[in-house]
Amino acid sequence: MTQPSKLPPSRVGFVSLGCPKALVDSEQILTQLRAEGYAISPSYHDADLVVVNTCGFIDAAVEESLDAIGEALAENGKVIVTGCLGAKGNIVQETHPKVLAVTGPHALQEVMSAVHAHLPPAHDPYTSLIPPQGIKLTPKHYAYLKISEGCNHRCSFCIIPSLRGDLLSRPIGEVMQEAENLVKAGVKELLVISQDTSAYGVDVKYRTGFWGGKPLKTRFTELARALGELGVWVRLHYVYPYPHVDEVIPLMAEGKILPYLDIPLQHASPRILKAMRRPAATENNLARIQRWRETCPDITLRSTFIVGFPGETADDFEDLLAFLDVAQLDRVGAFAYSPVDGAAANALAGAVPEALKQERLERFMQHQARISAAKLQQRIGHTLSVLVDEISDEGIIARSAADAPEIDGIVLVKNVAHAKPGDFIKVEITGADEHDLYARAV
């Protein structure tokens, strides 16, 4: 008896924009799509519909997201929009009235409901269609591990709480199971992310969970310690410098987790920090940084700053440059202040002229570039273990413990044979510039 031929699976195109936290949302949606039998299309033309995960934090991100939605509509015609831009009123519907549906961020079920309404699955779900670690958009050897959603702070320049809500920590057993699945699948580096990583567990009063049959508190320090037992690189992002962060520095000194902290300090002037409503405004950050370096001399510190915030005077800006000189941060990013619709800072007096903002931004980056270049020069002659990211015509592109993917520098390695992405290799640093290191294999 002839078996009836199966219909090909429905195909969904996917566009993912924004930060690593949005990327994790995209991975969760893609995982569910595959679990329900949908195929993922690499092009607009082969897709039955397209999902666009948007960013809506600053004006440039809004424009990029609206452009991406317009392109998807023009190329395909059937578009579902999700992400932070979807939470900013009716801007998507007013700009692109032909979209099929709009949801906010972290809205897996709402997105799937919209997909079901406009493209019913061809057959029943088969969870064997997806690997235990889910569908990932990063290379196979590293992955983002999102531990919470939302944020309890109300920084005056930020609208994240209105887009993503208050802090909502994931159960620690669930986080650890995901991490374990990723490691079993070959991931060599876990990048821990959230809006406020060091606040993990505050909302659930550090509730006790379980992992591997043992009790484990839903708390930043306990999570870092548990992740450090998995035998891979663990990198901490978006860590506010609360006092209890001191507890994870010994784990770095012991080699349990990477000696790396991404701390969004935003400014150094007490007056500006107060206007920003920064939660660490009263902390003595320089003293804390000194103690961290005493405990773990190899620690790499990355931060981000905003210049030209409303009310920022020449003296405030000079305070910021002086802070850089003393702090000697390894990696720094900076932005000229940009008003965000709905942010409280928009109502502050003393707007800094755009030309002056750009001038300060340029001065800031030049100032920090000299510091970063000098610190990288100190690494020449050292032997490091690096993680291979890709093979290029110029050599092997790798990263050291001091380098997060896509935001920090690289280590360009010559004279290596038979290495592949995800391998750890030993190298000797032979040169450096403002951002990157140059090396040869040992």
Protein backbone atom coordinates (compact mmCIF):
# COMPACT_ATOMS: atom_id res chain seq x y z
CA MET A 1 0.00 0.00 0.00
CA THR A 2 1.46 3.34 -1.01
CA GLN A 3 2.07 5.72 1.89
CA PRO A 4 0.74 9.24 1.37
CA SER A 5 3.51 11.75 0.82
CA LYS A 6 4.16 14.14 3.68
CA LEU A 7 3.73 17.84 3.14
CA PRO A 8 6.92 19.84 3.55
CA PRO A 9 7.13 21.69 6.89
CA SER A 10 6.05 25.31 7.06
CA ARG A 11 9.05 27.63 6.93
CA VAL A 12 9.64 30.65 9.17
CA GLY A 13 12.23 33.33 8.49
CA PHE A 14 13.80 35.05 11.48
CA VAL A 15 15.52 38.40 12.01
CA SER A 16 17.11 39.00 15.43
CA LEU A 17 18.19 42.51 16.47
CA GLY A 18 19.39 44.07 19.72
CA CYS A 19 21.39 42.98 22.75
CA PRO A 20 22.40 39.49 23.95
CA LYS A 21 19.28 39.38 26.14
CA ALA A 22 17.13 39.80 23.00
CA LEU A 23 19.27 37.13 21.30
CA VAL A 24 18.32 34.68 24.04
CA ASP A 25 14.64 35.51 23.45
CA SER A 26 15.22 34.72 19.75
CA GLU A 27 16.85 31.40 20.62
CA GLN A 28 13.88 30.43 22.78
CA ILE A 29 11.41 31.23 19.98
CA LEU A 30 13.48 29.34 17.41
CA THR A 31 13.72 26.36 19.74
CA GLN A 32 9.93 26.26 20.13
CA LEU A 33 9.40 26.65 16.38
CA ARG A 34 11.63 23.65 15.71
CA ALA A 35 9.96 21.67 18.51
CA GLU A 36 6.64 22.18 16.74
CA GLY A 37 7.95 21.03 13.40
CA TYR A 38 8.54 24.35 11.66
CA ALA A 39 11.61 24.71 9.45
CA ILE A 40 13.74 27.83 9.73
CA SER A 41 14.25 29.58 6.41
CA PRO A 42 17.56 31.34 5.67
CA SER A 43 15.89 33.76 3.24
CA TYR A 44 12.78 35.90 2.94
CA HIS A 45 11.68 34.30 -0.32
CA ASP A 46 11.63 30.70 0.95
CA ALA A 47 9.75 31.64 4.15
CA ASP A 48 6.00 31.36 4.63
CA LEU A 49 6.22 34.21 7.13
CA VAL A 50 8.95 36.19 8.94
CA VAL A 51 9.40 36.97 12.65
CA VAL A 52 11.38 40.13 13.46
CA ASN A 53 12.73 40.46 17.03
CA THR A 54 13.29 44.18 17.53
CA CYS A 55 15.24 46.55 19.75
CA GLY A 56 13.73 49.83 20.95
CA PHE A 57 16.14 51.25 23.49
CA ILE A 58 17.60 54.27 21.65
CA ASP A 59 16.58 56.18 18.53
CA ALA A 60 19.14 54.45 16.30
CA ALA A 61 17.87 51.02 17.41
CA VAL A 62 14.26 52.06 16.77
CA GLU A 63 15.16 53.20 13.26
CA GLU A 64 17.09 49.98 12.55
CA SER A 65 14.17 47.88 13.76
CA LEU A 66 11.58 49.78 11.72
CA ASP A 67 13.81 49.45 8.65
CA ALA A 68 14.14 45.69 9.23
CA ILE A 69 10.36 45.32 9.52
CA GLY A 70 9.88 47.32 6.31
CA GLU A 71 12.42 45.17 4.47
CA ALA A 72 10.74 41.96 5.66
CA LEU A 73 7.34 43.26 4.53
CA ALA A 74 8.70 44.26 1.14
CA GLU A 75 10.51 40.95 0.59
CA ASN A 76 7.99 38.55 2.12
CA GLY A 77 4.75 40.35 3.03
CA LYS A 78 3.82 38.31 6.13
CA VAL A 79 5.57 39.64 9.24
CA ILE A 80 5.16 39.12 13.00
CA VAL A 81 6.97 41.63 15.22
CA THR A 82 8.23 40.95 18.75
CA GLY A 83 10.79 42.51 21.12
CA CYS A 84 11.30 45.79 22.91
CA LEU A 85 9.99 47.99 20.09
CA GLY A 86 6.65 46.20 20.37
CA ALA A 87 6.34 47.50 23.93
CA LYS A 88 6.71 51.15 22.90
CA GLY A 89 3.10 52.06 22.22
CA ASN A 90 1.76 51.76 18.67
CA ILE A 91 4.89 52.83 16.81
CA VAL A 92 5.12 49.54 14.87
CA GLN A 93 1.46 49.51 13.81
CA GLU A 94 1.51 53.21 12.88
CA THR A 95 4.67 52.83 10.78
CA HIS A 96 3.88 49.41 9.29
CA PRO A 97 0.11 48.78 9.51
CA LYS A 98 0.40 45.57 7.44
CA VAL A 99 2.24 43.56 10.09
CA LEU A 100 0.31 40.48 11.19
CA ALA A 101 0.89 40.83 14.94
CA VAL A 102 3.00 42.75 17.47
CA THR A 103 4.19 41.57 20.91
CA GLY A 104 6.61 42.92 23.49
CA PRO A 105 9.89 41.30 24.64
CA HIS A 106 10.20 37.89 26.28
CA ALA A 107 6.84 36.85 24.80
CA LEU A 108 7.37 33.28 23.61
CA GLN A 109 3.77 32.14 23.97
CA GLU A 110 2.33 35.27 22.35
CA VAL A 111 4.67 34.89 19.36
CA MET A 112 3.80 31.22 18.98
CA SER A 113 0.08 32.02 19.15
CA ALA A 114 0.53 34.54 16.33
CA VAL A 115 2.49 32.01 14.27
CA HIS A 116 -0.21 29.37 14.83
CA ALA A 117 -2.91 31.83 13.76
CA HIS A 118 -1.23 32.72 10.47
CA LEU A 119 0.77 29.54 9.76
CA PRO A 120 -0.62 26.42 11.47
CA PRO A 121 2.01 23.71 12.10
CA ALA A 122 2.08 20.96 9.48
CA HIS A 123 2.09 18.18 12.09
CA ASP A 124 2.12 17.46 15.80
CA PRO A 125 5.13 18.51 17.90
CA TYR A 126 8.11 16.15 18.08
CA THR A 127 10.51 17.29 20.75
CA SER A 128 13.20 15.02 19.32
CA LEU A 129 13.54 17.58 16.53
CA ILE A 130 15.49 19.83 18.89
CA PRO A 131 18.68 19.14 20.85
CA PRO A 132 18.57 19.36 24.67
CA GLN A 133 20.41 22.69 24.63
CA GLY A 134 17.86 24.24 22.26
CA ILE A 135 18.51 26.25 19.10
CA LYS A 136 21.41 28.69 19.43
CA LEU A 137 22.32 31.70 17.28
CA THR A 138 25.88 31.91 18.59
CA PRO A 139 28.79 29.75 17.40
CA LYS A 140 28.76 26.24 18.88
CA HIS A 141 31.55 26.91 21.36
CA TYR A 142 29.97 29.77 23.33
CA ALA A 143 26.46 30.67 24.46
CA TYR A 144 24.62 33.33 26.43
CA LEU A 145 22.97 32.18 29.65
CA LYS A 146 20.17 34.56 30.66
CA ILE A 147 19.46 34.24 34.39
CA SER A 148 16.68 36.81 34.84
CA GLU A 149 14.36 39.24 33.12
CA GLY A 150 13.61 42.87 33.92
CA CYS A 151 15.13 45.26 36.45
CA ASN A 152 14.12 46.84 39.75
CA HIS A 153 16.13 50.04 39.24
CA ARG A 154 14.72 53.22 37.80
CA CYS A 155 17.76 54.86 36.20
CA SER A 156 16.62 58.15 34.73
CA PHE A 157 18.06 57.49 31.26
CA CYS A 158 16.62 53.97 30.92
CA ILE A 159 13.21 52.55 29.98
CA ILE A 160 14.07 48.86 30.36
CA PRO A 161 11.65 48.33 33.32
CA SER A 162 8.78 49.69 31.23
CA LEU A 163 9.77 47.36 28.37
CA ARG A 164 10.72 44.21 30.28
CA GLY A 165 9.18 44.71 33.73
CA ASP A 166 10.66 44.32 37.19
CA LEU A 167 13.32 41.77 38.11
CA LEU A 168 12.18 38.18 37.58
CA SER A 169 14.87 35.63 38.42
CA ARG A 170 14.79 32.22 36.78
CA PRO A 171 14.80 29.20 39.14
CA ILE A 172 18.41 28.29 39.82
CA GLY A 173 17.83 24.60 39.03
CA GLU A 174 16.48 25.56 35.62
CA VAL A 175 19.46 27.83 34.95
CA MET A 176 21.95 25.15 35.97
CA GLN A 177 20.19 22.50 33.86
CA GLU A 178 20.41 24.75 30.82
CA ALA A 179 24.08 25.43 31.54
CA GLU A 180 24.77 21.70 31.92
CA ASN A 181 22.99 20.92 28.63
CA LEU A 182 25.05 23.57 26.85
CA VAL A 183 28.32 22.19 28.20
CA LYS A 184 27.34 18.64 27.20
CA ALA A 185 26.65 19.98 23.68
CA GLY A 186 30.21 21.31 23.39
CA VAL A 187 29.93 24.89 24.66
CA LYS A 188 33.28 26.04 26.06
CA GLU A 189 32.22 29.47 27.32
CA LEU A 190 29.07 30.58 29.14
CA LEU A 191 28.32 34.30 29.09
CA VAL A 192 26.02 35.10 32.02
CA ILE A 193 23.64 37.96 31.21
CA SER A 194 20.62 39.81 32.60
CA GLN A 195 19.70 43.44 33.19
CA ASP A 196 21.25 43.29 36.68
CA THR A 197 23.22 40.08 37.16
CA SER A 198 24.36 40.77 40.71
CA ALA A 199 20.72 41.21 41.84
CA TYR A 200 19.90 37.62 40.87
CA GLY A 201 17.51 36.11 43.40
CA VAL A 202 16.57 39.34 45.21
CA ASP A 203 12.99 39.13 43.95
CA VAL A 204 12.50 35.58 45.30
CA LYS A 205 14.35 36.34 48.57
CA TYR A 206 17.17 33.95 47.60
CA ARG A 207 14.79 30.98 47.57
CA THR A 208 16.46 27.58 47.85
CA GLY A 209 16.33 25.50 44.68
CA PHE A 210 17.93 22.20 43.74
CA TRP A 211 20.56 21.08 41.26
CA GLY A 212 22.01 17.60 41.08
CA GLY A 213 19.91 16.59 44.07
CA LYS A 214 21.50 19.22 46.31
CA PRO A 215 20.02 22.44 47.70
CA LEU A 216 21.27 25.66 46.09
CA LYS A 217 20.26 29.23 46.90
CA THR A 218 18.94 31.43 44.11
CA ARG A 219 21.72 33.96 44.64
CA PHE A 220 24.49 35.54 42.56
CA THR A 221 27.41 34.08 44.54
CA GLU A 222 26.00 30.56 44.74
CA LEU A 223 25.18 30.60 41.03
CA ALA A 224 28.71 31.70 40.12
CA ARG A 225 30.18 28.99 42.34
CA ALA A 226 27.96 26.29 40.80
CA LEU A 227 28.72 27.39 37.23
CA GLY A 228 32.41 27.30 38.13
CA GLU A 229 32.10 23.53 38.69
CA LEU A 230 31.18 22.86 35.05
CA GLY A 231 34.77 23.09 33.78
CA VAL A 232 34.22 25.80 31.14
CA TRP A 233 34.84 29.53 30.91
CA VAL A 234 32.19 31.49 32.83
CA ARG A 235 32.05 35.21 32.04
CA LEU A 236 29.91 37.65 34.08
CA HIS A 237 28.20 40.59 32.34
CA TYR A 238 26.14 43.56 33.57
CA VAL A 239 27.25 43.31 37.21
CA TYR A 240 26.42 46.26 39.45
CA PRO A 241 29.20 46.83 42.03
CA TYR A 242 27.20 45.88 45.12
CA PRO A 243 29.26 44.85 48.19
CA HIS A 244 28.37 41.15 47.78
CA VAL A 245 30.10 41.10 44.38
CA ASP A 246 33.32 40.93 46.43
CA GLU A 247 32.37 37.32 47.23
CA VAL A 248 32.93 36.10 43.64
CA ILE A 249 36.42 37.59 43.27
CA PRO A 250 38.09 34.68 45.15
CA LEU A 251 36.40 32.30 42.69
CA MET A 252 38.22 34.19 39.93
CA ALA A 253 41.54 34.02 41.78
CA GLU A 254 41.04 30.24 42.15
CA GLY A 255 40.36 29.82 38.42
CA LYS A 256 36.76 28.68 38.94
CA ILE A 257 35.29 31.47 36.80
CA LEU A 258 36.97 33.93 34.44
CA PRO A 259 38.69 36.91 36.10
CA TYR A 260 36.42 39.29 34.21
CA LEU A 261 33.67 41.70 35.29
CA ASP A 262 31.49 43.83 33.04
CA ILE A 263 30.34 46.69 35.30
CA PRO A 264 28.19 49.46 33.75
CA LEU A 265 29.42 52.39 35.86
CA GLN A 266 27.99 55.07 33.49
CA HIS A 267 29.76 58.06 35.12
CA ALA A 268 32.08 59.12 37.94
CA SER A 269 30.73 62.51 39.03
CA PRO A 270 28.61 62.05 42.20
CA ARG A 271 26.27 64.79 41.01
CA ILE A 272 25.67 63.15 37.63
CA LEU A 273 25.32 59.68 39.16
CA LYS A 274 22.63 61.07 41.45
CA ALA A 275 20.82 62.62 38.47
CA MET A 276 21.08 59.27 36.69
CA ARG A 277 19.59 57.53 39.76
CA ARG A 278 22.32 54.94 39.61
CA PRO A 279 22.02 52.26 42.32
CA ALA A 280 25.78 52.37 42.98
CA ALA A 281 25.97 56.16 43.24
CA THR A 282 27.02 56.02 46.91
CA GLU A 283 29.55 53.22 46.54
CA ASN A 284 33.24 53.98 46.63
CA ASN A 285 33.94 52.26 43.35
CA LEU A 286 37.66 53.07 43.25
CA ALA A 287 38.23 51.48 46.66
CA ARG A 288 36.23 48.43 45.59
CA ILE A 289 38.23 48.08 42.36
CA GLN A 290 41.47 48.26 44.37
CA ARG A 291 40.30 45.46 46.68
CA TRP A 292 39.28 43.31 43.71
CA ARG A 293 42.75 43.68 42.20
CA GLU A 294 44.40 42.85 45.52
CA THR A 295 42.41 39.60 45.64
CA CYS A 296 42.74 38.78 41.92
CA PRO A 297 45.58 40.71 40.24
CA ASP A 298 44.66 39.30 36.80
CA ILE A 299 41.09 40.58 36.85
CA THR A 300 39.88 42.34 33.68
CA LEU A 301 37.39 45.16 34.23
CA ARG A 302 35.12 46.41 31.47
CA SER A 303 32.63 49.23 31.79
CA THR A 304 30.39 51.58 29.83
CA PHE A 305 29.89 55.32 30.31
CA ILE A 306 27.56 58.06 29.11
CA VAL A 307 28.98 61.49 28.27
CA GLY A 308 26.94 64.62 27.75
CA PHE A 309 24.21 63.66 30.22
CA PRO A 310 21.83 66.58 30.96
CA GLY A 311 23.50 68.94 33.41
CA GLU A 312 27.02 67.57 32.83
CA THR A 313 29.45 70.46 33.28
CA ALA A 314 33.06 70.75 32.21
CA ASP A 315 34.07 69.91 35.80
CA ASP A 316 31.87 66.78 35.79
CA PHE A 317 33.50 65.64 32.58
CA GLU A 318 36.99 66.27 33.99
CA ASP A 319 36.00 64.18 37.04
CA LEU A 320 35.18 61.37 34.63
CA LEU A 321 38.56 61.58 32.89
CA ALA A 322 40.32 61.67 36.26
CA PHE A 323 38.38 58.55 37.29
CA LEU A 324 39.68 56.73 34.21
CA ASP A 325 43.25 57.62 35.14
CA VAL A 326 42.88 56.15 38.63
CA ALA A 327 40.63 53.19 37.80
CA GLN A 328 42.80 51.98 34.89
CA LEU A 329 39.94 49.96 33.40
CA ASP A 330 40.91 47.42 30.76
CA ARG A 331 37.96 47.74 28.38
CA VAL A 332 35.62 50.71 28.07
CA GLY A 333 32.71 51.63 25.84
CA ALA A 334 31.07 55.05 25.78
CA PHE A 335 28.02 56.74 24.28
CA ALA A 336 26.94 60.32 23.87
CA TYR A 337 23.68 60.79 25.76
CA SER A 338 20.66 60.27 23.54
CA PRO A 339 17.11 61.04 24.76
CA VAL A 340 14.92 57.96 24.87
CA ASP A 341 11.14 58.33 24.63
CA GLY A 342 9.69 57.81 28.09
CA ALA A 343 12.94 58.29 30.04
CA ALA A 344 12.81 60.57 33.09
CA ALA A 345 16.13 62.20 32.11
CA ASN A 346 14.39 63.95 29.23
CA ALA A 347 12.87 66.39 31.72
CA LEU A 348 16.20 67.35 33.30
CA ALA A 349 17.56 70.86 32.77
CA GLY A 350 20.95 71.63 31.26
CA ALA A 351 20.87 69.74 27.97
CA VAL A 352 24.38 69.52 26.53
CA PRO A 353 24.68 70.76 22.92
CA GLU A 354 25.13 67.95 20.41
CA ALA A 355 28.49 69.27 19.16
CA LEU A 356 29.83 69.42 22.72
CA LYS A 357 28.59 65.89 23.43
CA GLN A 358 30.47 64.58 20.41
CA GLU A 359 33.60 66.52 21.35
CA ARG A 360 33.53 65.04 24.86
CA LEU A 361 32.90 61.57 23.50
CA GLU A 362 35.95 61.86 21.24
CA ARG A 363 38.11 63.16 24.10
CA PHE A 364 36.87 60.38 26.38
CA MET A 365 37.66 57.62 23.88
CA GLN A 366 41.11 59.04 23.10
CA HIS A 367 41.85 59.26 26.81
CA GLN A 368 40.80 55.66 27.45
CA ALA A 369 42.55 54.41 24.29
CA ARG A 370 45.91 55.43 25.77
CA ILE A 371 45.12 53.53 28.96
CA SER A 372 43.93 50.41 27.12
CA ALA A 373 46.94 50.44 24.78
CA ALA A 374 49.37 50.70 27.70
CA LYS A 375 47.69 47.81 29.53
CA LEU A 376 47.81 45.62 26.42
CA GLN A 377 51.51 46.41 25.94
CA GLN A 378 52.12 44.93 29.39
CA ARG A 379 50.91 41.57 28.09
CA ILE A 380 53.68 41.25 25.50
CA GLY A 381 55.87 38.29 26.34
CA HIS A 382 53.20 36.56 28.44
CA THR A 383 51.86 33.09 27.69
CA LEU A 384 48.06 32.80 27.63
CA SER A 385 45.42 30.18 26.99
CA VAL A 386 43.08 31.44 24.27
CA LEU A 387 39.83 30.15 22.80
CA VAL A 388 39.72 29.85 19.00
CA ASP A 389 36.75 31.64 17.42
CA GLU A 390 37.45 31.30 13.71
CA ILE A 391 40.08 30.58 11.07
CA SER A 392 40.87 33.46 8.70
CA ASP A 393 43.34 34.14 5.91
CA GLU A 394 45.39 36.22 8.34
CA GLY A 395 45.64 33.46 10.93
CA ILE A 396 43.56 32.24 13.83
CA ILE A 397 41.17 34.68 15.49
CA ALA A 398 40.98 33.82 19.18
CA ARG A 399 40.09 35.43 22.50
CA SER A 400 41.76 35.46 25.88
CA ALA A 401 40.02 35.44 29.26
CA ALA A 402 40.03 39.25 28.98
CA ASP A 403 37.98 39.32 25.77
CA ALA A 404 34.21 38.89 25.52
CA PRO A 405 32.97 38.07 22.01
CA GLU A 406 32.02 41.00 19.75
CA ILE A 407 32.58 43.74 22.34
CA ASP A 408 36.24 43.37 23.35
CA GLY A 409 39.43 42.72 21.41
CA ILE A 410 40.82 39.61 19.76
CA VAL A 411 44.08 37.66 19.78
CA LEU A 412 45.38 37.13 16.23
CA VAL A 413 47.56 34.00 16.23
CA LYS A 414 50.06 33.01 13.56
CA ASN A 415 51.77 29.68 12.84
CA VAL A 416 49.00 27.37 14.07
CA ALA A 417 48.03 24.20 12.27
CA HIS A 418 45.03 21.95 12.84
CA ALA A 419 43.22 24.27 15.26
CA LYS A 420 39.48 24.70 14.93
CA PRO A 421 36.81 26.91 16.52
CA GLY A 422 36.23 25.90 20.12
CA ASP A 423 39.81 24.70 20.72
CA PHE A 424 41.92 26.10 23.53
CA ILE A 425 45.53 26.76 22.53
CA LYS A 426 48.56 28.20 24.32
CA VAL A 427 50.10 31.30 22.76
CA GLU A 428 52.86 33.80 23.47
CA ILE A 429 51.88 37.46 23.02
CA THR A 430 54.25 39.15 20.56
CA GLY A 431 52.54 42.51 19.93
CA ALA A 432 49.60 44.75 20.75
CA ASP A 433 47.70 47.84 19.60
CA GLU A 434 44.88 49.82 21.25
CA HIS A 435 42.39 46.95 21.02
CA ASP A 436 43.94 43.64 19.99
CA LEU A 437 46.83 41.31 20.78
CA TYR A 438 49.12 39.48 18.33
CA ALA A 439 50.59 36.10 19.18
CA ARG A 440 52.33 32.96 18.06
CA ALA A 441 51.47 29.44 19.14
CA VAL A 442 53.63 27.94 21.87
